[in-house]
C-alpha cells in the first residue's frame, strides 16, 4: 500500500470514529436529560440549557477532528517523513 492510502484510511477512521462517538455521546446525554426532566419537570429549563451547551461541545470536538483529518488528507505535514521510512 502507498503512503497516501494510509493517510486516506487514517482520515476515514478519524472522521468515522469521531462521528460514532459523538452520536453515542449525544444519544446517551439526551436520554439522561429526558429521564431527569420526567423526574423533576421544574428543572427542565436549567437542564435544557446545560444539555445544549454540552451538545455543542461534543459536536465541536467532532468538527475539530474532522478538520484535522481533512488537513492531513490535503496537506499532510508528515507525508515526506513517512515516504522516507516506507522506502
N, C-alpha and C. Protein backbone atom coordinates (compact mmCIF):
# COMPACT_ATOMS: atom_id res chain seq x y z
N UNK A 1 0.84 -1.19 0.00
CA UNK A 1 0.00 0.00 0.00
C UNK A 1 0.88 1.24 0.00
N UNK A 2 0.40 2.26 -0.64
CA UNK A 2 1.14 3.50 -0.71
C UNK A 2 0.84 4.36 0.51
N UNK A 3 1.68 5.34 0.72
CA UNK A 3 1.54 6.22 1.87
C UNK A 3 0.22 6.98 1.82
N UNK A 4 -0.16 7.42 0.66
CA UNK A 4 -1.39 8.20 0.53
C UNK A 4 -2.62 7.37 0.87
N UNK A 5 -2.55 6.06 0.65
CA UNK A 5 -3.69 5.22 1.02
C UNK A 5 -3.80 5.09 2.54
N UNK A 6 -2.66 5.07 3.23
CA UNK A 6 -2.70 5.06 4.69
C UNK A 6 -3.26 6.37 5.24
N UNK A 7 -2.92 7.46 4.59
CA UNK A 7 -3.45 8.76 5.01
C UNK A 7 -4.96 8.80 4.81
N UNK A 8 -5.43 8.28 3.69
CA UNK A 8 -6.88 8.25 3.44
C UNK A 8 -7.59 7.34 4.44
N UNK A 9 -6.97 6.22 4.76
CA UNK A 9 -7.55 5.31 5.75
C UNK A 9 -7.60 5.96 7.12
N UNK A 10 -6.52 6.64 7.51
CA UNK A 10 -6.49 7.31 8.80
C UNK A 10 -7.52 8.43 8.87
N UNK A 11 -7.65 9.20 7.80
CA UNK A 11 -8.65 10.28 7.78
C UNK A 11 -10.06 9.71 7.88
N UNK A 12 -10.32 8.62 7.20
CA UNK A 12 -11.63 7.98 7.29
C UNK A 12 -11.92 7.46 8.68
N UNK A 13 -10.92 6.89 9.32
CA UNK A 13 -11.11 6.40 10.69
C UNK A 13 -11.34 7.54 11.67
N UNK A 14 -10.59 8.63 11.51
CA UNK A 14 -10.78 9.77 12.41
C UNK A 14 -12.19 10.33 12.27
N UNK A 15 -12.64 10.50 11.05
CA UNK A 15 -13.97 11.07 10.83
C UNK A 15 -15.05 10.08 11.26
N UNK A 16 -14.91 8.82 10.88
CA UNK A 16 -15.93 7.82 11.19
C UNK A 16 -16.06 7.54 12.68
N UNK A 17 -14.94 7.32 13.35
CA UNK A 17 -15.00 7.04 14.78
C UNK A 17 -15.40 8.27 15.58
N UNK A 18 -15.00 9.44 15.11
CA UNK A 18 -15.44 10.66 15.77
C UNK A 18 -16.94 10.85 15.67
N UNK A 19 -17.50 10.54 14.51
CA UNK A 19 -18.94 10.66 14.32
C UNK A 19 -19.69 9.65 15.19
N UNK A 20 -19.19 8.43 15.24
CA UNK A 20 -19.84 7.40 16.06
C UNK A 20 -19.79 7.80 17.53
N UNK A 21 -18.63 8.26 17.99
CA UNK A 21 -18.51 8.66 19.39
C UNK A 21 -19.40 9.84 19.73
N UNK A 22 -19.47 10.82 18.84
CA UNK A 22 -20.32 11.98 19.09
C UNK A 22 -21.79 11.58 19.12
N UNK A 23 -22.20 10.72 18.21
CA UNK A 23 -23.60 10.28 18.17
C UNK A 23 -23.98 9.49 19.42
N UNK A 24 -23.10 8.61 19.83
CA UNK A 24 -23.38 7.83 21.04
C UNK A 24 -23.44 8.74 22.26
N UNK A 25 -22.49 9.67 22.36
CA UNK A 25 -22.47 10.59 23.50
C UNK A 25 -23.70 11.47 23.56
N UNK A 26 -24.10 12.02 22.43
CA UNK A 26 -25.28 12.88 22.41
C UNK A 26 -26.54 12.06 22.68
N UNK A 27 -26.60 10.84 22.17
CA UNK A 27 -27.76 9.98 22.44
C UNK A 27 -27.90 9.63 23.91
N UNK A 28 -26.78 9.28 24.55
CA UNK A 28 -26.82 8.97 25.98
C UNK A 28 -27.19 10.20 26.80
N UNK A 29 -26.63 11.34 26.44
CA UNK A 29 -26.93 12.55 27.18
C UNK A 29 -28.40 12.94 27.00
N UNK A 30 -28.92 12.80 25.79
CA UNK A 30 -30.32 13.11 25.56
C UNK A 30 -31.26 12.20 26.34
N UNK A 31 -30.91 10.92 26.43
CA UNK A 31 -31.76 10.00 27.19
C UNK A 31 -31.73 10.33 28.68
N UNK A 32 -30.56 10.70 29.19
CA UNK A 32 -30.48 11.07 30.61
C UNK A 32 -31.21 12.38 30.88
N UNK A 33 -31.18 13.29 29.90
CA UNK A 33 -31.93 14.54 30.05
C UNK A 33 -33.42 14.25 30.13
N UNK A 34 -33.92 13.39 29.26
CA UNK A 34 -35.35 13.07 29.29
C UNK A 34 -35.74 12.37 30.59
N UNK A 35 -34.87 11.49 31.09
CA UNK A 35 -35.15 10.83 32.37
C UNK A 35 -35.22 11.85 33.51
N UNK A 36 -34.25 12.76 33.54
CA UNK A 36 -34.24 13.74 34.64
C UNK A 36 -35.37 14.75 34.50
N UNK A 37 -35.75 15.10 33.28
CA UNK A 37 -36.88 16.02 33.09
C UNK A 37 -38.19 15.36 33.48
N UNK A 38 -38.29 14.06 33.30
CA UNK A 38 -39.51 13.35 33.71
C UNK A 38 -39.60 13.26 35.23
N UNK A 39 -38.44 13.13 35.89
CA UNK A 39 -38.45 13.04 37.36
C UNK A 39 -38.73 14.39 38.00
N UNK A 40 -38.08 15.45 37.49
CA UNK A 40 -38.24 16.78 38.06
C UNK A 40 -38.52 17.79 36.94
N UNK A 41 -39.76 17.95 36.56
CA UNK A 41 -40.09 18.84 35.45
C UNK A 41 -39.74 20.31 35.72
N UNK A 42 -39.65 20.70 36.98
CA UNK A 42 -39.35 22.09 37.29
C UNK A 42 -37.90 22.47 36.95
N UNK A 43 -37.03 21.50 36.78
CA UNK A 43 -35.63 21.76 36.42
C UNK A 43 -35.37 21.67 34.91
N UNK A 44 -36.43 21.50 34.14
CA UNK A 44 -36.25 21.26 32.71
C UNK A 44 -35.54 22.42 32.01
N UNK A 45 -35.83 23.65 32.36
CA UNK A 45 -35.20 24.80 31.71
C UNK A 45 -33.70 24.85 31.95
N UNK A 46 -33.29 24.66 33.20
CA UNK A 46 -31.86 24.67 33.53
C UNK A 46 -31.14 23.50 32.87
N UNK A 47 -31.76 22.34 32.91
CA UNK A 47 -31.13 21.16 32.32
C UNK A 47 -31.03 21.28 30.80
N UNK A 48 -32.03 21.89 30.19
CA UNK A 48 -32.01 22.02 28.73
C UNK A 48 -30.87 22.94 28.29
N UNK A 49 -30.64 24.01 29.03
CA UNK A 49 -29.54 24.92 28.70
C UNK A 49 -28.21 24.20 28.80
N UNK A 50 -28.02 23.46 29.87
CA UNK A 50 -26.76 22.73 30.06
C UNK A 50 -26.60 21.63 29.01
N UNK A 51 -27.70 20.99 28.66
CA UNK A 51 -27.61 19.92 27.67
C UNK A 51 -27.20 20.48 26.31
N UNK A 52 -27.80 21.60 25.90
CA UNK A 52 -27.45 22.17 24.60
C UNK A 52 -26.01 22.68 24.58
N UNK A 53 -25.53 23.19 25.70
CA UNK A 53 -24.13 23.61 25.79
C UNK A 53 -23.20 22.41 25.61
N UNK A 54 -23.52 21.31 26.26
CA UNK A 54 -22.69 20.12 26.14
C UNK A 54 -22.80 19.48 24.75
N UNK A 55 -23.96 19.54 24.14
CA UNK A 55 -24.09 19.04 22.76
C UNK A 55 -23.19 19.84 21.83
N UNK A 56 -23.13 21.14 22.03
CA UNK A 56 -22.25 21.97 21.22
C UNK A 56 -20.79 21.62 21.43
N UNK A 57 -20.39 21.33 22.66
CA UNK A 57 -19.00 20.96 22.93
C UNK A 57 -18.66 19.60 22.32
N UNK A 58 -19.59 18.66 22.40
CA UNK A 58 -19.34 17.35 21.80
C UNK A 58 -19.23 17.47 20.28
N UNK A 59 -20.12 18.25 19.69
CA UNK A 59 -20.04 18.46 18.24
C UNK A 59 -18.78 19.22 17.85
N UNK A 60 -18.34 20.14 18.70
CA UNK A 60 -17.11 20.88 18.40
C UNK A 60 -15.92 19.94 18.37
N UNK A 61 -15.87 18.98 19.28
CA UNK A 61 -14.76 18.03 19.28
C UNK A 61 -14.77 17.20 18.00
N UNK A 62 -15.94 16.80 17.55
CA UNK A 62 -16.05 16.04 16.30
C UNK A 62 -15.64 16.90 15.10
N UNK A 63 -16.07 18.15 15.08
CA UNK A 63 -15.74 19.02 13.96
C UNK A 63 -14.24 19.32 13.93
N UNK A 64 -13.61 19.48 15.08
CA UNK A 64 -12.16 19.68 15.12
C UNK A 64 -11.45 18.44 14.60
N UNK A 65 -11.91 17.26 14.99
CA UNK A 65 -11.33 16.02 14.47
C UNK A 65 -11.49 15.90 12.97
N UNK A 66 -12.63 16.30 12.46
CA UNK A 66 -12.85 16.28 11.01
C UNK A 66 -11.92 17.26 10.31
N UNK A 67 -11.73 18.42 10.89
CA UNK A 67 -10.81 19.40 10.31
C UNK A 67 -9.38 18.90 10.28
N UNK A 68 -8.95 18.25 11.35
CA UNK A 68 -7.60 17.69 11.39
C UNK A 68 -7.45 16.58 10.36
N UNK A 69 -8.46 15.74 10.23
CA UNK A 69 -8.40 14.65 9.25
C UNK A 69 -8.34 15.19 7.83
N UNK A 70 -9.13 16.20 7.54
CA UNK A 70 -9.08 16.79 6.20
C UNK A 70 -7.77 17.52 5.96
N UNK A 71 -7.21 18.11 7.00
CA UNK A 71 -5.90 18.75 6.87
C UNK A 71 -4.84 17.72 6.53
N UNK A 72 -4.86 16.59 7.22
CA UNK A 72 -3.91 15.52 6.92
C UNK A 72 -4.12 14.98 5.51
N UNK A 73 -5.37 14.92 5.07
CA UNK A 73 -5.64 14.36 3.75
C UNK A 73 -5.19 15.30 2.63
N UNK A 74 -5.25 16.60 2.86
CA UNK A 74 -4.92 17.53 1.78
C UNK A 74 -3.50 18.06 1.86
N UNK A 75 -3.03 18.40 3.05
CA UNK A 75 -1.70 18.99 3.20
C UNK A 75 -0.99 18.30 4.36
N UNK A 76 -0.67 17.05 4.18
CA UNK A 76 -0.10 16.25 5.25
C UNK A 76 1.34 16.69 5.54
N UNK A 77 1.62 17.17 6.76
CA UNK A 77 2.98 17.59 7.07
C UNK A 77 3.92 16.40 7.28
N UNK A 78 3.39 15.22 7.49
CA UNK A 78 4.22 14.05 7.77
C UNK A 78 4.46 13.20 6.53
N UNK A 79 3.94 13.60 5.39
CA UNK A 79 3.99 12.77 4.20
C UNK A 79 5.42 12.50 3.75
N UNK A 80 6.28 13.52 3.79
CA UNK A 80 7.67 13.32 3.39
C UNK A 80 8.42 12.37 4.31
N UNK A 81 8.19 12.49 5.61
CA UNK A 81 8.86 11.61 6.57
C UNK A 81 8.37 10.18 6.43
N UNK A 82 7.09 10.01 6.22
CA UNK A 82 6.54 8.66 6.08
C UNK A 82 7.05 8.02 4.79
N UNK A 83 7.16 8.80 3.74
CA UNK A 83 7.65 8.26 2.47
C UNK A 83 9.10 7.80 2.58
N UNK A 84 9.91 8.51 3.36
CA UNK A 84 11.30 8.10 3.56
C UNK A 84 11.38 6.82 4.37
N UNK A 85 10.54 6.68 5.36
CA UNK A 85 10.54 5.47 6.19
C UNK A 85 10.06 4.28 5.38
N UNK A 86 9.07 4.50 4.51
CA UNK A 86 8.49 3.40 3.74
C UNK A 86 9.46 2.84 2.71
N UNK A 87 10.44 3.63 2.28
CA UNK A 87 11.39 3.16 1.25
C UNK A 87 12.41 2.28 1.84
